[in-house]
């Protein structure tokens, strides 16, 4: 089994937990269906989806006061014991997505 770890950061790599007091929401989808939802942690600005089998997944980050209000990222888990780390980076003053950084590490 593998994990997907999502974190939200601003342009200075600081945790971006919420905007206007509203937390970011993460969704995990598979085959066009939402299979899990997590509210981003209000201290560390992260969310996780654990113990996922090999397969194709879509991660969605949503917030009604950013542009775009929903961002998707497709993830393929092809082997077990991996942690896929997705960092969604926003330009905080403008509330605009700057980009998504993805990396893979071995699960301990």
PDB file of N, CA and C in Angstrom:
ATOM      1  N   UNK A   1       0.837  -1.178   0.000  1.00  0.00           N
ATOM      2  CA  UNK A   1       0.000   0.000   0.000  1.00  0.00           C
ATOM      3  C   UNK A   1       0.883   1.243   0.000  1.00  0.00           C
ATOM      4  N   UNK A   2       0.355   2.327  -0.563  1.00  0.00           N
ATOM      5  CA  UNK A   2       1.079   3.585  -0.656  1.00  0.00           C
ATOM      6  C   UNK A   2       0.217   4.722  -0.112  1.00  0.00           C
ATOM      7  N   UNK A   3       0.831   5.892   0.034  1.00  0.00           N
ATOM      8  CA  UNK A   3       0.140   7.056   0.582  1.00  0.00           C
ATOM      9  C   UNK A   3       0.263   8.231  -0.378  1.00  0.00           C
ATOM     10  N   UNK A   4      -0.729   9.116  -0.311  1.00  0.00           N
ATOM     11  CA  UNK A   4      -0.655  10.401  -1.005  1.00  0.00           C
ATOM     12  C   UNK A   4      -0.754  11.478   0.065  1.00  0.00           C
ATOM     13  N   UNK A   5       0.237  12.358   0.075  1.00  0.00           N
ATOM     14  CA  UNK A   5       0.312  13.439   1.054  1.00  0.00           C
ATOM     15  C   UNK A   5       0.195  14.762   0.304  1.00  0.00           C
ATOM     16  N   UNK A   6      -0.752  15.599   0.718  1.00  0.00           N
ATOM     17  CA  UNK A   6      -1.008  16.877   0.051  1.00  0.00           C
ATOM     18  C   UNK A   6      -0.721  18.003   1.034  1.00  0.00           C
ATOM     19  N   UNK A   7      -0.028  19.029   0.579  1.00  0.00           N
ATOM     20  CA  UNK A   7       0.215  20.189   1.420  1.00  0.00           C
ATOM     21  C   UNK A   7      -0.003  21.460   0.599  1.00  0.00           C
ATOM     22  N   UNK A   8      -0.444  22.504   1.285  1.00  0.00           N
ATOM     23  CA  UNK A   8      -0.722  23.782   0.646  1.00  0.00           C
ATOM     24  C   UNK A   8       0.293  24.793   1.175  1.00  0.00           C
ATOM     25  N   UNK A   9       0.972  25.501   0.284  1.00  0.00           N
ATOM     26  CA  UNK A   9       2.000  26.464   0.666  1.00  0.00           C
ATOM     27  C   UNK A   9       1.784  27.777  -0.077  1.00  0.00           C
ATOM     28  N   UNK A  10       2.312  28.848   0.514  1.00  0.00           N
ATOM     29  CA  UNK A  10       2.290  30.131  -0.196  1.00  0.00           C
ATOM     30  C   UNK A  10       3.605  30.308  -0.939  1.00  0.00           C
ATOM     31  N   UNK A  11       3.779  31.443  -1.565  1.00  0.00           N
ATOM     32  CA  UNK A  11       4.954  31.707  -2.391  1.00  0.00           C
ATOM     33  C   UNK A  11       6.254  31.692  -1.596  1.00  0.00           C
ATOM     34  N   UNK A  12       6.194  31.839  -0.289  1.00  0.00           N
ATOM     35  CA  UNK A  12       7.382  31.815   0.560  1.00  0.00           C
ATOM     36  C   UNK A  12       7.570  30.471   1.260  1.00  0.00           C
ATOM     37  N   UNK A  13       6.835  29.466   0.810  1.00  0.00           N
ATOM     38  CA  UNK A  13       6.887  28.101   1.344  1.00  0.00           C
ATOM     39  C   UNK A  13       6.390  28.008   2.791  1.00  0.00           C
ATOM     40  N   UNK A  14       5.493  28.915   3.165  1.00  0.00           N
ATOM     41  CA  UNK A  14       4.853  28.839   4.474  1.00  0.00           C
ATOM     42  C   UNK A  14       3.506  28.143   4.324  1.00  0.00           C
ATOM     43  N   UNK A  15       3.092  27.453   5.382  1.00  0.00           N
ATOM     44  CA  UNK A  15       1.798  26.778   5.367  1.00  0.00           C
ATOM     45  C   UNK A  15       0.686  27.774   5.070  1.00  0.00           C
ATOM     46  N   UNK A  16      -0.170  27.416   4.139  1.00  0.00           N
ATOM     47  CA  UNK A  16      -1.334  28.235   3.799  1.00  0.00           C
ATOM     48  C   UNK A  16      -2.561  27.418   4.175  1.00  0.00           C
ATOM     49  N   UNK A  17      -3.019  27.594   5.404  1.00  0.00           N
ATOM     50  CA  UNK A  17      -4.070  26.742   5.950  1.00  0.00           C
ATOM     51  C   UNK A  17      -5.459  27.140   5.497  1.00  0.00           C
ATOM     52  N   UNK A  18      -5.658  28.456   5.319  1.00  0.00           N
ATOM     53  CA  UNK A  18      -6.988  28.935   4.953  1.00  0.00           C
ATOM     54  C   UNK A  18      -6.868  30.314   4.308  1.00  0.00           C
ATOM     55  N   UNK A  19      -7.962  30.727   3.720  1.00  0.00           N
ATOM     56  CA  UNK A  19      -8.078  32.082   3.186  1.00  0.00           C
ATOM     57  C   UNK A  19      -9.412  32.622   3.671  1.00  0.00           C
ATOM     58  N   UNK A  20      -9.364  33.798   4.266  1.00  0.00           N
ATOM     59  CA  UNK A  20     -10.560  34.407   4.855  1.00  0.00           C
ATOM     60  C   UNK A  20     -11.227  33.471   5.858  1.00  0.00           C
ATOM     61  N   UNK A  21     -10.424  32.690   6.569  1.00  0.00           N
ATOM     62  CA  UNK A  21     -10.947  31.774   7.586  1.00  0.00           C
ATOM     63  C   UNK A  21     -11.572  30.506   7.035  1.00  0.00           C
ATOM     64  N   UNK A  22     -11.490  30.297   5.739  1.00  0.00           N
ATOM     65  CA  UNK A  22     -12.063  29.104   5.104  1.00  0.00           C
ATOM     66  C   UNK A  22     -10.923  28.162   4.737  1.00  0.00           C
ATOM     67  N   UNK A  23     -11.002  26.933   5.225  1.00  0.00           N
ATOM     68  CA  UNK A  23      -9.961  25.937   4.974  1.00  0.00           C
ATOM     69  C   UNK A  23     -10.041  25.394   3.549  1.00  0.00           C
ATOM     70  N   UNK A  24      -8.894  24.957   3.033  1.00  0.00           N
ATOM     71  CA  UNK A  24      -8.848  24.241   1.767  1.00  0.00           C
ATOM     72  C   UNK A  24      -9.409  22.833   1.987  1.00  0.00           C
ATOM     73  N   UNK A  25     -10.013  22.269   0.949  1.00  0.00           N
ATOM     74  CA  UNK A  25     -10.557  20.913   0.968  1.00  0.00           C
ATOM     75  C   UNK A  25      -9.809  20.085  -0.068  1.00  0.00           C
ATOM     76  N   UNK A  26      -9.465  18.846   0.290  1.00  0.00           N
ATOM     77  CA  UNK A  26      -8.857  17.928  -0.674  1.00  0.00           C
ATOM     78  C   UNK A  26      -9.790  16.747  -0.893  1.00  0.00           C
ATOM     79  N   UNK A  27      -9.864  16.323  -2.130  1.00  0.00           N
ATOM     80  CA  UNK A  27     -10.661  15.160  -2.504  1.00  0.00           C
ATOM     81  C   UNK A  27      -9.762  14.160  -3.204  1.00  0.00           C
ATOM     82  N   UNK A  28     -10.030  12.892  -2.993  1.00  0.00           N
ATOM     83  CA  UNK A  28      -9.341  11.828  -3.714  1.00  0.00           C
ATOM     84  C   UNK A  28     -10.372  11.098  -4.552  1.00  0.00           C
ATOM     85  N   UNK A  29     -10.087  11.011  -5.842  1.00  0.00           N
ATOM     86  CA  UNK A  29     -11.021  10.346  -6.740  1.00  0.00           C
ATOM     87  C   UNK A  29     -10.376   9.183  -7.470  1.00  0.00           C
ATOM     88  N   UNK A  30     -11.238   8.272  -7.897  1.00  0.00           N
ATOM     89  CA  UNK A  30     -10.795   7.139  -8.698  1.00  0.00           C
ATOM     90  C   UNK A  30     -11.947   6.738  -9.608  1.00  0.00           C
ATOM     91  N   UNK A  31     -11.650   6.564 -10.882  1.00  0.00           N
ATOM     92  CA  UNK A  31     -12.662   6.192 -11.875  1.00  0.00           C
ATOM     93  C   UNK A  31     -13.841   7.162 -11.894  1.00  0.00           C
ATOM     94  N   UNK A  32     -13.549   8.454 -11.731  1.00  0.00           N
ATOM     95  CA  UNK A  32     -14.588   9.473 -11.798  1.00  0.00           C
ATOM     96  C   UNK A  32     -15.436   9.622 -10.550  1.00  0.00           C
ATOM     97  N   UNK A  33     -15.112   8.877  -9.503  1.00  0.00           N
ATOM     98  CA  UNK A  33     -15.876   8.930  -8.257  1.00  0.00           C
ATOM     99  C   UNK A  33     -15.002   9.446  -7.125  1.00  0.00           C
ATOM    100  N   UNK A  34     -15.550  10.303  -6.264  1.00  0.00           N
ATOM    101  CA  UNK A  34     -14.835  10.734  -5.066  1.00  0.00           C
ATOM    102  C   UNK A  34     -14.830   9.575  -4.073  1.00  0.00           C
ATOM    103  N   UNK A  35     -13.630   9.202  -3.601  1.00  0.00           N
ATOM    104  CA  UNK A  35     -13.545   8.084  -2.658  1.00  0.00           C
ATOM    105  C   UNK A  35     -13.140   8.540  -1.253  1.00  0.00           C
ATOM    106  N   UNK A  36     -12.648   9.780  -1.127  1.00  0.00           N
ATOM    107  CA  UNK A  36     -12.284  10.304   0.192  1.00  0.00           C
ATOM    108  C   UNK A  36     -12.217  11.822   0.124  1.00  0.00           C
ATOM    109  N   UNK A  37     -12.448  12.453   1.273  1.00  0.00           N
ATOM    110  CA  UNK A  37     -12.348  13.910   1.381  1.00  0.00           C
ATOM    111  C   UNK A  37     -11.691  14.254   2.697  1.00  0.00           C
ATOM    112  N   UNK A  38     -10.782  15.218   2.665  1.00  0.00           N
ATOM    113  CA  UNK A  38     -10.095  15.684   3.875  1.00  0.00           C
ATOM    114  C   UNK A  38     -10.063  17.206   3.864  1.00  0.00           C
ATOM    115  N   UNK A  39     -10.331  17.796   5.015  1.00  0.00           N
ATOM    116  CA  UNK A  39     -10.101  19.227   5.188  1.00  0.00           C
ATOM    117  C   UNK A  39      -8.637  19.400   5.524  1.00  0.00           C
ATOM    118  N   UNK A  40      -7.997  20.372   4.898  1.00  0.00           N
ATOM    119  CA  UNK A  40      -6.585  20.616   5.144  1.00  0.00           C
ATOM    120  C   UNK A  40      -6.408  21.026   6.614  1.00  0.00           C
ATOM    121  N   UNK A  41      -5.429  20.422   7.261  1.00  0.00           N
ATOM    122  CA  UNK A  41      -5.133  20.690   8.668  1.00  0.00           C
ATOM    123  C   UNK A  41      -4.866  22.175   8.879  1.00  0.00           C
ATOM    124  N   UNK A  42      -5.454  22.752   9.915  1.00  0.00           N
ATOM    125  CA  UNK A  42      -5.345  24.185  10.142  1.00  0.00           C
ATOM    126  C   UNK A  42      -4.064  24.615  10.842  1.00  0.00           C
ATOM    127  N   UNK A  43      -3.157  23.695  11.104  1.00  0.00           N
ATOM    128  CA  UNK A  43      -1.848  24.055  11.655  1.00  0.00           C
ATOM    129  C   UNK A  43      -0.756  23.861  10.608  1.00  0.00           C
ATOM    130  N   UNK A  44      -0.743  22.691   9.978  1.00  0.00           N
ATOM    131  CA  UNK A  44       0.338  22.353   9.047  1.00  0.00           C
ATOM    132  C   UNK A  44      -0.040  22.491   7.573  1.00  0.00           C
ATOM    133  N   UNK A  45      -1.303  22.766   7.290  1.00  0.00           N
ATOM    134  CA  UNK A  45      -1.802  22.905   5.913  1.00  0.00           C
ATOM    135  C   UNK A  45      -1.569  21.646   5.090  1.00  0.00           C
ATOM    136  N   UNK A  46      -1.889  20.496   5.680  1.00  0.00           N
ATOM    137  CA  UNK A  46      -1.703  19.240   4.960  1.00  0.00           C
ATOM    138  C   UNK A  46      -2.904  18.317   5.131  1.00  0.00           C
ATOM    139  N   UNK A  47      -2.947  17.318   4.274  1.00  0.00           N
ATOM    140  CA  UNK A  47      -3.968  16.272   4.318  1.00  0.00           C
ATOM    141  C   UNK A  47      -3.336  15.014   3.741  1.00  0.00           C
ATOM    142  N   UNK A  48      -3.815  13.872   4.175  1.00  0.00           N
ATOM    143  CA  UNK A  48      -3.227  12.630   3.690  1.00  0.00           C
ATOM    144  C   UNK A  48      -4.253  11.568   3.392  1.00  0.00           C
ATOM    145  N   UNK A  49      -3.916  10.749   2.418  1.00  0.00           N
ATOM    146  CA  UNK A  49      -4.724   9.593   2.048  1.00  0.00           C
ATOM    147  C   UNK A  49      -3.804   8.385   2.150  1.00  0.00           C
ATOM    148  N   UNK A  50      -4.091   7.522   3.113  1.00  0.00           N
ATOM    149  CA  UNK A  50      -3.187   6.426   3.465  1.00  0.00           C
ATOM    150  C   UNK A  50      -3.654   5.076   2.945  1.00  0.00           C
ATOM    151  N   UNK A  51      -2.671   4.165   2.818  1.00  0.00           N
ATOM    152  CA  UNK A  51      -2.905   2.757   2.501  1.00  0.00           C
ATOM    153  C   UNK A  51      -3.708   2.556   1.218  1.00  0.00           C
ATOM    154  N   UNK A  52      -3.234   3.195   0.151  1.00  0.00           N
ATOM    155  CA  UNK A  52      -3.901   3.091  -1.141  1.00  0.00           C
ATOM    156  C   UNK A  52      -3.280   1.977  -1.979  1.00  0.00           C
ATOM    157  N   UNK A  53      -4.109   1.164  -2.610  1.00  0.00           N
ATOM    158  CA  UNK A  53      -3.570   0.121  -3.485  1.00  0.00           C
ATOM    159  C   UNK A  53      -3.084   0.708  -4.809  1.00  0.00           C
ATOM    160  N   UNK A  54      -2.359  -0.104  -5.553  1.00  0.00           N
ATOM    161  CA  UNK A  54      -1.895   0.281  -6.886  1.00  0.00           C
ATOM    162  C   UNK A  54      -3.104   0.695  -7.723  1.00  0.00           C
ATOM    163  N   UNK A  55      -2.946   1.810  -8.465  1.00  0.00           N
ATOM    164  CA  UNK A  55      -4.043   2.282  -9.303  1.00  0.00           C
ATOM    165  C   UNK A  55      -3.872   3.723  -9.728  1.00  0.00           C
ATOM    166  N   UNK A  56      -4.877   4.226 -10.419  1.00  0.00           N
ATOM    167  CA  UNK A  56      -4.915   5.604 -10.903  1.00  0.00           C
ATOM    168  C   UNK A  56      -5.818   6.414  -9.977  1.00  0.00           C
ATOM    169  N   UNK A  57      -5.347   7.606  -9.579  1.00  0.00           N
ATOM    170  CA  UNK A  57      -6.098   8.461  -8.672  1.00  0.00           C
ATOM    171  C   UNK A  57      -6.065   9.895  -9.180  1.00  0.00           C
ATOM    172  N   UNK A  58      -7.047  10.675  -8.752  1.00  0.00           N
ATOM    173  CA  UNK A  58      -7.070  12.109  -9.015  1.00  0.00           C
ATOM    174  C   UNK A  58      -7.194  12.817  -7.682  1.00  0.00           C
ATOM    175  N   UNK A  59      -6.295  13.765  -7.451  1.00  0.00           N
ATOM    176  CA  UNK A  59      -6.345  14.591  -6.251  1.00  0.00           C
ATOM    177  C   UNK A  59      -6.911  15.944  -6.669  1.00  0.00           C
ATOM    178  N   UNK A  60      -7.875  16.431  -5.899  1.00  0.00           N
ATOM    179  CA  UNK A  60      -8.491  17.724  -6.161  1.00  0.00           C
ATOM    180  C   UNK A  60      -8.302  18.592  -4.922  1.00  0.00           C
ATOM    181  N   UNK A  61      -7.822  19.819  -5.125  1.00  0.00           N
ATOM    182  CA  UNK A  61      -7.737  20.809  -4.053  1.00  0.00           C
ATOM    183  C   UNK A  61      -8.739  21.901  -4.394  1.00  0.00           C
ATOM    184  N   UNK A  62      -9.610  22.211  -3.412  1.00  0.00           N
ATOM    185  CA  UNK A  62     -10.678  23.174  -3.660  1.00  0.00           C
ATOM    186  C   UNK A  62     -10.653  24.296  -2.623  1.00  0.00           C
ATOM    187  N   UNK A  63     -10.947  25.480  -3.098  1.00  0.00           N
ATOM    188  CA  UNK A  63     -11.177  26.629  -2.233  1.00  0.00           C
ATOM    189  C   UNK A  63     -11.917  27.660  -3.066  1.00  0.00           C
ATOM    190  N   UNK A  64     -13.005  28.155  -2.543  1.00  0.00           N
ATOM    191  CA  UNK A  64     -13.869  29.048  -3.323  1.00  0.00           C
ATOM    192  C   UNK A  64     -13.286  30.433  -3.569  1.00  0.00           C
ATOM    193  N   UNK A  65     -12.219  30.802  -2.840  1.00  0.00           N
ATOM    194  CA  UNK A  65     -11.694  32.168  -2.961  1.00  0.00           C
ATOM    195  C   UNK A  65     -10.294  32.228  -3.576  1.00  0.00           C
ATOM    196  N   UNK A  66      -9.931  31.192  -4.345  1.00  0.00           N
ATOM    197  CA  UNK A  66      -8.665  31.214  -5.076  1.00  0.00           C
ATOM    198  C   UNK A  66      -8.949  30.968  -6.560  1.00  0.00           C
ATOM    199  N   UNK A  67      -7.940  31.225  -7.376  1.00  0.00           N
ATOM    200  CA  UNK A  67      -8.060  31.017  -8.819  1.00  0.00           C
ATOM    201  C   UNK A  67      -7.027  29.994  -9.241  1.00  0.00           C
ATOM    202  N   UNK A  68      -7.430  28.912  -9.843  1.00  0.00           N
ATOM    203  CA  UNK A  68      -8.799  28.452 -10.037  1.00  0.00           C
ATOM    204  C   UNK A  68      -9.363  27.878  -8.731  1.00  0.00           C
ATOM    205  N   UNK A  69     -10.689  27.834  -8.590  1.00  0.00           N
ATOM    206  CA  UNK A  69     -11.295  27.353  -7.342  1.00  0.00           C
ATOM    207  C   UNK A  69     -11.146  25.840  -7.114  1.00  0.00           C
ATOM    208  N   UNK A  70     -10.812  25.111  -8.142  1.00  0.00           N
ATOM    209  CA  UNK A  70     -10.535  23.673  -8.012  1.00  0.00           C
ATOM    210  C   UNK A  70      -9.385  23.314  -8.936  1.00  0.00           C
ATOM    211  N   UNK A  71      -8.421  22.561  -8.395  1.00  0.00           N
ATOM    212  CA  UNK A  71      -7.255  22.132  -9.161  1.00  0.00           C
ATOM    213  C   UNK A  71      -7.167  20.615  -9.061  1.00  0.00           C
ATOM    214  N   UNK A  72      -6.930  19.947 -10.186  1.00  0.00           N
ATOM    215  CA  UNK A  72      -6.793  18.497 -10.166  1.00  0.00           C
ATOM    216  C   UNK A  72      -5.366  18.098 -10.535  1.00  0.00           C
ATOM    217  N   UNK A  73      -4.958  16.954  -9.984  1.00  0.00           N
ATOM    218  CA  UNK A  73      -3.642  16.395 -10.301  1.00  0.00           C
ATOM    219  C   UNK A  73      -3.798  14.881 -10.336  1.00  0.00           C
ATOM    220  N   UNK A  74      -3.435  14.274 -11.446  1.00  0.00           N
ATOM    221  CA  UNK A  74      -3.540  12.822 -11.599  1.00  0.00           C
ATOM    222  C   UNK A  74      -2.300  12.133 -11.051  1.00  0.00           C
ATOM    223  N   UNK A  75      -2.535  11.059 -10.312  1.00  0.00           N
ATOM    224  CA  UNK A  75      -1.465  10.297  -9.673  1.00  0.00           C
ATOM    225  C   UNK A  75      -1.609   8.839 -10.062  1.00  0.00           C
ATOM    226  N   UNK A  76      -0.488   8.210 -10.424  1.00  0.00           N
ATOM    227  CA  UNK A  76      -0.468   6.772 -10.673  1.00  0.00           C
ATOM    228  C   UNK A  76       0.382   6.122  -9.599  1.00  0.00           C
ATOM    229  N   UNK A  77      -0.207   5.191  -8.884  1.00  0.00           N
ATOM    230  CA  UNK A  77       0.545   4.384  -7.923  1.00  0.00           C
ATOM    231  C   UNK A  77       0.823   3.059  -8.613  1.00  0.00           C
ATOM    232  N   UNK A  78       2.094   2.835  -8.909  1.00  0.00           N
ATOM    233  CA  UNK A  78       2.460   1.635  -9.669  1.00  0.00           C
ATOM    234  C   UNK A  78       3.178   0.585  -8.824  1.00  0.00           C
ATOM    235  N   UNK A  79       3.625   0.982  -7.643  1.00  0.00           N
ATOM    236  CA  UNK A  79       4.272   0.036  -6.724  1.00  0.00           C
ATOM    237  C   UNK A  79       3.836   0.351  -5.300  1.00  0.00           C
ATOM    238  N   UNK A  80       4.018  -0.623  -4.440  1.00  0.00           N
ATOM    239  CA  UNK A  80       3.672  -0.436  -3.034  1.00  0.00           C
ATOM    240  C   UNK A  80       4.795   0.279  -2.286  1.00  0.00           C
ATOM    241  N   UNK A  81       4.488   0.719  -1.085  1.00  0.00           N
ATOM    242  CA  UNK A  81       5.456   1.328  -0.162  1.00  0.00           C
ATOM    243  C   UNK A  81       6.039   2.635  -0.674  1.00  0.00           C
ATOM    244  N   UNK A  82       5.213   3.449  -1.324  1.00  0.00           N
ATOM    245  CA  UNK A  82       5.641   4.771  -1.785  1.00  0.00           C
ATOM    246  C   UNK A  82       4.791   5.836  -1.100  1.00  0.00           C
ATOM    247  N   UNK A  83       5.360   7.027  -0.991  1.00  0.00           N
ATOM    248  CA  UNK A  83       4.616   8.204  -0.542  1.00  0.00           C
ATOM    249  C   UNK A  83       4.710   9.230  -1.661  1.00  0.00           C
ATOM    250  N   UNK A  84       3.571   9.578  -2.215  1.00  0.00           N
ATOM    251  CA  UNK A  84       3.519  10.596  -3.250  1.00  0.00           C
ATOM    252  C   UNK A  84       3.233  11.915  -2.534  1.00  0.00           C
ATOM    253  N   UNK A  85       4.104  12.889  -2.708  1.00  0.00           N
ATOM    254  CA  UNK A  85       3.974  14.181  -2.047  1.00  0.00           C
ATOM    255  C   UNK A  85       3.602  15.227  -3.086  1.00  0.00           C
ATOM    256  N   UNK A  86       2.487  15.895  -2.861  1.00  0.00           N
ATOM    257  CA  UNK A  86       2.021  16.945  -3.757  1.00  0.00           C
ATOM    258  C   UNK A  86       1.976  18.258  -2.985  1.00  0.00           C
ATOM    259  N   UNK A  87       2.679  19.267  -3.497  1.00  0.00           N
ATOM    260  CA  UNK A  87       2.703  20.583  -2.874  1.00  0.00           C
ATOM    261  C   UNK A  87       2.025  21.565  -3.829  1.00  0.00           C
ATOM    262  N   UNK A  88       0.907  22.115  -3.393  1.00  0.00           N
ATOM    263  CA  UNK A  88       0.173  23.108  -4.170  1.00  0.00           C
ATOM    264  C   UNK A  88       0.615  24.480  -3.672  1.00  0.00           C
ATOM    265  N   UNK A  89       1.202  25.279  -4.567  1.00  0.00           N
ATOM    266  CA  UNK A  89       1.791  26.565  -4.189  1.00  0.00           C
ATOM    267  C   UNK A  89       0.925  27.694  -4.752  1.00  0.00           C
ATOM    268  N   UNK A  90       0.530  28.605  -3.842  1.00  0.00           N
ATOM    269  CA  UNK A  90      -0.317  29.737  -4.210  1.00  0.00           C
ATOM    270  C   UNK A  90       0.393  31.053  -3.953  1.00  0.00           C
ATOM    271  N   UNK A  91       0.172  32.009  -4.834  1.00  0.00           N
ATOM    272  CA  UNK A  91       0.602  33.380  -4.603  1.00  0.00           C
ATOM    273  C   UNK A  91      -0.467  33.983  -3.698  1.00  0.00           C
ATOM    274  N   UNK A  92      -0.138  34.101  -2.420  1.00  0.00           N
ATOM    275  CA  UNK A  92      -1.147  34.442  -1.417  1.00  0.00           C
ATOM    276  C   UNK A  92      -1.822  35.794  -1.654  1.00  0.00           C
ATOM    277  N   UNK A  93      -1.071  36.878  -1.920  1.00  0.00           N
ATOM    278  CA  UNK A  93      -1.771  38.153  -2.081  1.00  0.00           C
ATOM    279  C   UNK A  93      -2.795  38.150  -3.225  1.00  0.00           C
ATOM    280  N   UNK A  94      -2.472  37.493  -4.318  1.00  0.00           N
ATOM    281  CA  UNK A  94      -3.363  37.461  -5.478  1.00  0.00           C
ATOM    282  C   UNK A  94      -4.328  36.276  -5.436  1.00  0.00           C
ATOM    283  N   UNK A  95      -4.060  35.307  -4.528  1.00  0.00           N
ATOM    284  CA  UNK A  95      -4.904  34.104  -4.395  1.00  0.00           C
ATOM    285  C   UNK A  95      -4.947  33.296  -5.686  1.00  0.00           C
ATOM    286  N   UNK A  96      -3.781  33.145  -6.303  1.00  0.00           N
ATOM    287  CA  UNK A  96      -3.660  32.450  -7.583  1.00  0.00           C
ATOM    288  C   UNK A  96      -2.692  31.277  -7.435  1.00  0.00           C
ATOM    289  N   UNK A  97      -3.038  30.149  -8.044  1.00  0.00           N
ATOM    290  CA  UNK A  97      -2.158  28.982  -8.041  1.00  0.00           C
ATOM    291  C   UNK A  97      -0.910  29.280  -8.858  1.00  0.00           C
ATOM    292  N   UNK A  98       0.257  29.083  -8.257  1.00  0.00           N
ATOM    293  CA  UNK A  98       1.527  29.245  -8.974  1.00  0.00           C
ATOM    294  C   UNK A  98       1.963  27.941  -9.627  1.00  0.00           C
ATOM    295  N   UNK A  99       1.681  26.819  -8.969  1.00  0.00           N
ATOM    296  CA  UNK A  99       2.091  25.542  -9.533  1.00  0.00           C
ATOM    297  C   UNK A  99       1.939  24.410  -8.535  1.00  0.00           C
ATOM    298  N   UNK A 100       2.241  23.221  -9.028  1.00  0.00           N
ATOM    299  CA  UNK A 100       2.165  22.005  -8.222  1.00  0.00           C
ATOM    300  C   UNK A 100       3.509  21.300  -8.327  1.00  0.00           C
ATOM    301  N   UNK A 101       4.071  20.963  -7.190  1.00  0.00           N
ATOM    302  CA  UNK A 101       5.322  20.210  -7.133  1.00  0.00           C
ATOM    303  C   UNK A 101       4.991  18.788  -6.700  1.00  0.00           C
ATOM    304  N   UNK A 102       5.522  17.810  -7.401  1.00  0.00           N
ATOM    305  CA  UNK A 102       5.256  16.410  -7.072  1.00  0.00           C
ATOM    306  C   UNK A 102       6.574  15.671  -6.867  1.00  0.00           C
ATOM    307  N   UNK A 103       6.607  14.811  -5.869  1.00  0.00           N
ATOM    308  CA  UNK A 103       7.768  13.956  -5.640  1.00  0.00           C
ATOM    309  C   UNK A 103       7.296  12.633  -5.053  1.00  0.00           C
ATOM    310  N   UNK A 104       8.199  11.658  -5.116  1.00  0.00           N
ATOM    311  CA  UNK A 104       7.891  10.320  -4.597  1.00  0.00           C
ATOM    312  C   UNK A 104       9.028   9.897  -3.680  1.00  0.00           C
ATOM    313  N   UNK A 105       8.661   9.379  -2.523  1.00  0.00           N
ATOM    314  CA  UNK A 105       9.646   8.861  -1.569  1.00  0.00           C
ATOM    315  C   UNK A 105       9.265   7.447  -1.171  1.00  0.00           C
ATOM    316  N   UNK A 106      10.221   6.745  -0.625  1.00  0.00           N
ATOM    317  CA  UNK A 106       9.957   5.402  -0.124  1.00  0.00           C
ATOM    318  C   UNK A 106       9.256   5.497   1.216  1.00  0.00           C
ATOM    319  N   UNK A 107       8.223   4.724   1.392  1.00  0.00           N
ATOM    320  CA  UNK A 107       7.484   4.701   2.657  1.00  0.00           C
ATOM    321  C   UNK A 107       8.291   3.967   3.701  1.00  0.00           C
ATOM    322  N   UNK A 108       8.400   4.555   4.872  1.00  0.00           N
ATOM    323  CA  UNK A 108       9.170   3.936   5.961  1.00  0.00           C
ATOM    324  C   UNK A 108       8.326   2.970   6.750  1.00  0.00           C
TER     325      UNK A 108
END
